[in-house]
């Protein structure tokens, strides 16, 4: 977006976008795959999913027109907002390494890490706000919950999504606390102890009705306390479990559960400003992360 601006730093932008590409497996990128758009405000189609799975007469007789399918859809909208973080590099420190870029590149790594943690936490928050909790599931720690069939509850989530959109879910993401509860639950312990195995994500995956799910663990910690305050570190997903469908390269109109609309699909850009005593590097990006198809998603809160 700012490639023609005098403050645009092509070298640091290249480093930043290379790191962004390496984060393709991050939780936020799985929850909200990127959709590049040309304008900050625009529309996309929310399709009538039921119509996509109707059966039509296709035989064509002489002189007749083919049956026209229904493509009912309603408009919805995205509105990309600008976001930025910045870091300063003291010229005194930069001069200590012969005036090279080591100091700035180290500070850029800190900037990239801070942006990643922030985006991860915000993505989980937005996703949870747009996807309701599945009622009657996730009670696994009480006395009654010790008898729960965990795999059946996960299969029910998957089958509900498949029935709603006609496609199998593609991803299952477990919060760290949820996974700890699952792997120590009698459901797994009793089934695996005779096999001399311990619970793993691969074993869980092979128990599910759809065994080609991408199963991952959200283990990143973050500090929820306000800046300057002390607090206890938490996991970004805690005791939540997310299951959803998404396309690897989504468009504005496909059935992915959620999307990240952005003007910078290749990743954030770096703008630099030289001041008297320091050089300031600002990471800029635009985004509107939105749950676009709640029927393609489900979540459990483990308790």
Protein backbone atom coordinates (compact mmCIF):
# COMPACT_ATOMS: atom_id res chain seq x y z
CA UNK A 1 0.00 0.00 0.00
CA UNK A 2 2.86 2.39 0.84
CA UNK A 3 5.39 1.17 -1.74
CA UNK A 4 5.63 4.65 -3.27
CA UNK A 5 5.92 6.51 0.03
CA UNK A 6 9.27 8.14 0.88
CA UNK A 7 9.22 6.39 4.27
CA UNK A 8 8.69 2.92 2.79
CA UNK A 9 11.57 0.60 3.75
CA UNK A 10 11.78 -2.13 1.14
CA UNK A 11 14.58 -4.06 2.83
CA UNK A 12 12.92 -4.32 6.25
CA UNK A 13 9.53 -4.96 4.62
CA UNK A 14 11.06 -7.93 2.80
CA UNK A 15 12.39 -9.30 6.10
CA UNK A 16 9.03 -8.73 7.77
CA UNK A 17 7.03 -10.40 5.01
CA UNK A 18 9.41 -13.37 4.96
CA UNK A 19 8.72 -13.86 8.67
CA UNK A 20 4.99 -13.46 7.97
CA UNK A 21 5.16 -16.24 5.37
CA UNK A 22 6.86 -18.49 7.94
CA UNK A 23 3.87 -17.94 10.25
CA UNK A 24 1.46 -19.65 7.85
CA UNK A 25 0.77 -22.35 10.46
CA UNK A 26 0.01 -19.88 13.24
CA UNK A 27 -3.36 -20.20 14.97
CA UNK A 28 -4.57 -16.81 13.74
CA UNK A 29 -3.75 -17.65 10.11
CA UNK A 30 -5.61 -20.97 10.41
CA UNK A 31 -8.65 -19.34 12.00
CA UNK A 32 -8.64 -16.40 9.59
CA UNK A 33 -7.05 -17.25 6.23
CA UNK A 34 -6.06 -14.17 4.26
CA UNK A 35 -8.27 -12.67 1.56
CA UNK A 36 -6.58 -9.86 -0.36
CA UNK A 37 -8.94 -7.04 -1.36
CA UNK A 38 -8.39 -3.92 -3.46
CA UNK A 39 -10.49 -1.49 -1.44
CA UNK A 40 -10.74 -0.95 2.31
CA UNK A 41 -14.54 -1.22 2.23
CA UNK A 42 -16.40 -3.72 0.09
CA UNK A 43 -18.95 -6.50 -0.07
CA UNK A 44 -18.98 -10.26 -0.27
CA UNK A 45 -21.74 -12.80 -0.83
CA UNK A 46 -23.30 -14.87 1.93
CA UNK A 47 -24.72 -17.74 -0.06
CA UNK A 48 -27.79 -19.81 0.71
CA UNK A 49 -25.91 -22.97 1.61
CA UNK A 50 -28.99 -25.18 1.38
CA UNK A 51 -29.41 -24.41 -2.32
CA UNK A 52 -25.91 -25.69 -3.11
CA UNK A 53 -26.98 -29.24 -2.27
CA UNK A 54 -30.31 -29.53 -4.02
CA UNK A 55 -30.78 -32.15 -6.71
CA UNK A 56 -31.92 -30.99 -10.15
CA UNK A 57 -33.18 -32.62 -13.32
CA UNK A 58 -30.35 -32.39 -15.82
CA UNK A 59 -31.66 -34.33 -18.83
CA UNK A 60 -31.98 -32.02 -21.83
CA UNK A 61 -34.62 -32.83 -24.41
CA UNK A 62 -34.78 -31.33 -27.89
CA UNK A 63 -36.09 -27.77 -27.88
CA UNK A 64 -36.03 -27.35 -24.09
CA UNK A 65 -33.85 -25.09 -21.99
CA UNK A 66 -31.66 -26.49 -19.19
CA UNK A 67 -32.84 -26.23 -15.61
CA UNK A 68 -31.47 -23.10 -13.97
CA UNK A 69 -30.08 -23.59 -10.49
CA UNK A 70 -30.85 -21.28 -7.57
CA UNK A 71 -27.98 -19.03 -6.44
CA UNK A 72 -29.66 -17.07 -3.69
CA UNK A 73 -27.20 -14.87 -1.84
CA UNK A 74 -27.25 -11.81 0.37
CA UNK A 75 -24.64 -9.09 0.61
CA UNK A 76 -22.44 -8.62 3.64
CA UNK A 77 -19.59 -6.20 4.08
CA UNK A 78 -15.97 -5.92 5.20
CA UNK A 79 -14.27 -2.76 6.44
CA UNK A 80 -10.48 -2.98 6.73
CA UNK A 81 -9.02 -0.80 9.47
CA UNK A 82 -5.38 0.35 9.70
CA UNK A 83 -3.15 -1.11 12.43
CA UNK A 84 0.41 -0.31 13.43
CA UNK A 85 3.18 -0.96 15.95
CA UNK A 86 6.54 0.78 16.07
CA UNK A 87 9.98 0.38 17.61
CA UNK A 88 12.85 2.83 17.99
CA UNK A 89 16.55 2.11 17.51
CA UNK A 90 18.96 4.53 19.21
CA UNK A 91 21.63 5.81 16.85
CA UNK A 92 24.19 5.49 19.65
CA UNK A 93 23.52 1.73 19.83
CA UNK A 94 23.56 1.41 16.05
CA UNK A 95 26.98 3.06 15.87
CA UNK A 96 28.46 0.46 18.22
CA UNK A 97 28.26 -2.20 15.48
CA UNK A 98 29.88 0.03 12.89
CA UNK A 99 26.69 1.66 11.74
CA UNK A 100 25.22 -1.58 10.40
CA UNK A 101 21.65 -2.83 10.60
CA UNK A 102 22.14 -5.48 13.30
CA UNK A 103 20.53 -3.34 15.99
CA UNK A 104 17.53 -2.43 13.83
CA UNK A 105 17.03 -5.99 12.62
CA UNK A 106 17.08 -7.27 16.21
CA UNK A 107 14.50 -4.67 17.17
CA UNK A 108 12.46 -5.64 14.12
CA UNK A 109 12.39 -9.24 15.36
CA UNK A 110 10.96 -7.98 18.66
CA UNK A 111 8.39 -5.98 16.72
CA UNK A 112 7.39 -9.01 14.63
CA UNK A 113 7.05 -11.17 17.76
CA UNK A 114 4.91 -8.57 19.52
CA UNK A 115 2.66 -8.26 16.50
CA UNK A 116 2.30 -12.04 16.23
CA UNK A 117 1.26 -12.49 19.87
CA UNK A 118 -1.18 -9.58 19.59
CA UNK A 119 -2.75 -10.95 16.41
CA UNK A 120 -3.01 -14.46 17.87
CA UNK A 121 -4.87 -13.29 20.96
CA UNK A 122 -7.14 -10.94 19.00
CA UNK A 123 -7.96 -13.68 16.47
CA UNK A 124 -9.08 -16.11 19.19
CA UNK A 125 -11.19 -13.38 20.82
CA UNK A 126 -12.92 -12.46 17.55
CA UNK A 127 -13.51 -16.11 16.62
CA UNK A 128 -15.05 -16.93 20.01
CA UNK A 129 -17.36 -13.92 19.74
CA UNK A 130 -18.65 -15.13 16.37
CA UNK A 131 -19.07 -18.86 17.11
CA UNK A 132 -21.42 -19.97 19.91
CA UNK A 133 -20.47 -22.72 22.35
CA UNK A 134 -21.89 -26.16 21.53
CA UNK A 135 -24.47 -26.89 24.21
CA UNK A 136 -24.16 -30.08 26.24
CA UNK A 137 -20.52 -30.74 25.34
CA UNK A 138 -17.21 -30.29 27.14
CA UNK A 139 -18.25 -31.31 30.66
CA UNK A 140 -15.26 -33.60 31.20
CA UNK A 141 -13.92 -32.80 34.68
CA UNK A 142 -16.95 -33.36 36.93
CA UNK A 143 -17.88 -36.75 38.37
CA UNK A 144 -20.43 -37.27 35.61
CA UNK A 145 -17.97 -35.92 33.06
CA UNK A 146 -15.50 -38.72 33.83
CA UNK A 147 -17.82 -40.99 31.83
CA UNK A 148 -18.00 -38.68 28.81
CA UNK A 149 -17.21 -40.05 25.36
CA UNK A 150 -14.84 -37.34 24.15
CA UNK A 151 -14.45 -38.67 20.62
CA UNK A 152 -18.21 -38.90 20.18
CA UNK A 153 -18.58 -35.26 21.18
CA UNK A 154 -15.92 -34.22 18.66
CA UNK A 155 -17.52 -36.40 15.98
CA UNK A 156 -20.86 -34.73 16.67
CA UNK A 157 -19.24 -31.35 16.04
CA UNK A 158 -17.78 -32.59 12.76
CA UNK A 159 -21.01 -34.17 11.54
CA UNK A 160 -22.99 -31.05 12.42
CA UNK A 161 -20.66 -28.92 10.31
CA UNK A 162 -20.77 -31.39 7.43
CA UNK A 163 -24.58 -31.50 7.48
CA UNK A 164 -24.77 -27.70 7.56
CA UNK A 165 -22.42 -26.87 4.68
CA UNK A 166 -22.01 -30.16 2.81
CA UNK A 167 -18.26 -30.20 3.39
CA UNK A 168 -16.10 -31.91 5.98
CA UNK A 169 -14.40 -29.67 8.53
CA UNK A 170 -10.72 -29.13 7.78
CA UNK A 171 -9.26 -28.04 11.13
CA UNK A 172 -9.39 -29.00 14.80
CA UNK A 173 -7.50 -26.73 17.21
CA UNK A 174 -7.14 -27.58 20.90
CA UNK A 175 -6.34 -25.12 23.64
CA UNK A 176 -3.46 -26.32 25.83
CA UNK A 177 -5.59 -26.70 28.96
CA UNK A 178 -8.25 -28.55 26.97
CA UNK A 179 -5.64 -31.00 25.64
CA UNK A 180 -4.21 -31.64 29.13
CA UNK A 181 -7.73 -32.48 30.34
CA UNK A 182 -8.36 -34.75 27.35
CA UNK A 183 -5.12 -36.75 27.51
CA UNK A 184 -5.63 -37.48 31.22
CA UNK A 185 -9.34 -38.27 30.90
CA UNK A 186 -10.46 -41.85 31.67
CA UNK A 187 -11.73 -42.11 28.08
CA UNK A 188 -8.14 -42.11 26.80
CA UNK A 189 -6.37 -43.62 29.79
CA UNK A 190 -8.60 -46.71 29.87
CA UNK A 191 -8.35 -47.31 26.12
CA UNK A 192 -4.62 -46.89 25.79
CA UNK A 193 -3.17 -48.40 28.93
CA UNK A 194 -3.42 -51.98 27.63
CA UNK A 195 -1.62 -50.93 24.45
CA UNK A 196 1.19 -49.30 26.41
CA UNK A 197 0.51 -46.03 24.59
CA UNK A 198 0.02 -42.49 25.79
CA UNK A 199 -2.45 -40.06 24.28
CA UNK A 200 -1.16 -38.02 21.36
CA UNK A 201 -2.66 -35.75 18.74
CA UNK A 202 -2.06 -38.45 16.10
CA UNK A 203 -3.94 -41.05 18.14
CA UNK A 204 -6.80 -38.61 18.69
CA UNK A 205 -6.90 -37.85 14.96
CA UNK A 206 -7.13 -41.54 14.06
CA UNK A 207 -10.10 -41.99 16.40
CA UNK A 208 -12.19 -39.29 14.71
CA UNK A 209 -14.83 -39.87 12.07
CA UNK A 210 -12.88 -37.65 9.63
CA UNK A 211 -9.25 -38.65 9.98
CA UNK A 212 -7.86 -36.09 7.53
CA UNK A 213 -8.48 -33.17 9.87
CA UNK A 214 -5.56 -30.82 10.48
CA UNK A 215 -5.20 -31.21 14.27
CA UNK A 216 -3.07 -28.65 16.09
CA UNK A 217 -2.35 -27.41 19.59
CA UNK A 218 -2.63 -23.74 20.60
CA UNK A 219 0.16 -23.52 23.15
CA UNK A 220 1.37 -19.93 22.81
CA UNK A 221 1.43 -18.08 26.16
CA UNK A 222 0.62 -14.38 26.52
CA UNK A 223 0.51 -11.79 29.28
CA UNK A 224 -3.08 -10.56 29.76
CA UNK A 225 -2.14 -7.86 32.27
CA UNK A 226 -2.14 -4.27 31.06
CA UNK A 227 1.16 -2.75 29.95
CA UNK A 228 3.30 -1.95 32.98
CA UNK A 229 1.37 -4.33 35.24
CA UNK A 230 2.37 -7.79 36.43
CA UNK A 231 0.18 -10.84 35.97
CA UNK A 232 0.07 -14.56 35.35
CA UNK A 233 0.78 -15.87 31.86
CA UNK A 234 -2.12 -17.58 30.09
CA UNK A 235 -2.56 -19.72 26.98
CA UNK A 236 -4.21 -18.05 23.99
CA UNK A 237 -7.04 -20.62 23.81
CA UNK A 238 -7.17 -21.95 27.37
CA UNK A 239 -9.78 -24.71 27.60
CA UNK A 240 -11.41 -24.05 24.23
CA UNK A 241 -11.66 -26.44 21.28
CA UNK A 242 -12.33 -25.08 17.78
CA UNK A 243 -13.42 -27.08 14.74
CA UNK A 244 -14.10 -25.46 11.37
CA UNK A 245 -13.94 -25.57 7.59
CA UNK A 246 -11.70 -23.25 5.59
CA UNK A 247 -10.07 -23.14 2.19
CA UNK A 248 -6.31 -22.78 1.82
CA UNK A 249 -6.74 -19.92 -0.63
CA UNK A 250 -10.15 -18.44 0.17
CA UNK A 251 -12.00 -15.89 -1.90
CA UNK A 252 -14.49 -13.28 -0.75
CA UNK A 253 -17.37 -15.67 -1.47
CA UNK A 254 -16.35 -19.21 -0.48
CA UNK A 255 -17.69 -21.16 2.52
CA UNK A 256 -14.73 -20.71 4.89
CA UNK A 257 -15.85 -20.15 8.47
CA UNK A 258 -13.83 -16.97 8.88
CA UNK A 259 -11.55 -14.69 6.85
CA UNK A 260 -9.00 -11.94 7.24
CA UNK A 261 -9.79 -9.24 4.69
CA UNK A 262 -6.68 -7.12 4.09
CA UNK A 263 -5.10 -4.71 1.63
CA UNK A 264 -1.69 -6.30 2.32
CA UNK A 265 -2.09 -10.04 1.60
CA UNK A 266 1.69 -10.52 1.47
CA UNK A 267 2.07 -9.25 5.02
CA UNK A 268 2.76 -6.04 6.92
CA UNK A 269 4.89 -3.23 5.51
CA UNK A 270 7.64 -1.28 7.28
CA UNK A 271 7.76 2.53 7.22
CA UNK A 272 10.89 4.19 8.62
CA UNK A 273 11.46 7.66 10.01
CA UNK A 274 14.86 9.08 10.92
CA UNK A 275 14.90 11.39 13.91
CA UNK A 276 17.68 13.26 15.68
CA UNK A 277 18.63 10.51 18.14
CA UNK A 278 16.85 7.44 16.82
CA UNK A 279 15.39 5.68 13.82
CA UNK A 280 11.76 4.62 14.18
CA UNK A 281 10.45 1.62 12.24
CA UNK A 282 6.68 1.24 12.07
CA UNK A 283 4.94 -1.98 11.08
CA UNK A 284 1.72 -1.20 9.23
CA UNK A 285 -1.11 -3.49 8.11
CA UNK A 286 -4.84 -3.37 7.53
CA UNK A 287 -7.35 -6.01 8.53
CA UNK A 288 -10.94 -6.95 9.13
CA UNK A 289 -11.10 -10.41 10.63
CA UNK A 290 -14.63 -11.69 10.48
CA UNK A 291 -16.58 -14.91 11.05
CA UNK A 292 -18.25 -15.08 7.64
CA UNK A 293 -19.96 -18.49 7.89
CA UNK A 294 -20.82 -19.56 11.47
CA UNK A 295 -22.40 -22.78 10.17
CA UNK A 296 -18.91 -23.93 9.15
CA UNK A 297 -17.59 -23.70 12.72
CA UNK A 298 -18.18 -25.12 16.18
CA UNK A 299 -16.49 -24.80 19.56
CA UNK A 300 -16.43 -26.48 22.94
CA UNK A 301 -15.46 -24.99 26.29
CA UNK A 302 -13.99 -27.76 28.45
CA UNK A 303 -15.05 -27.60 32.08
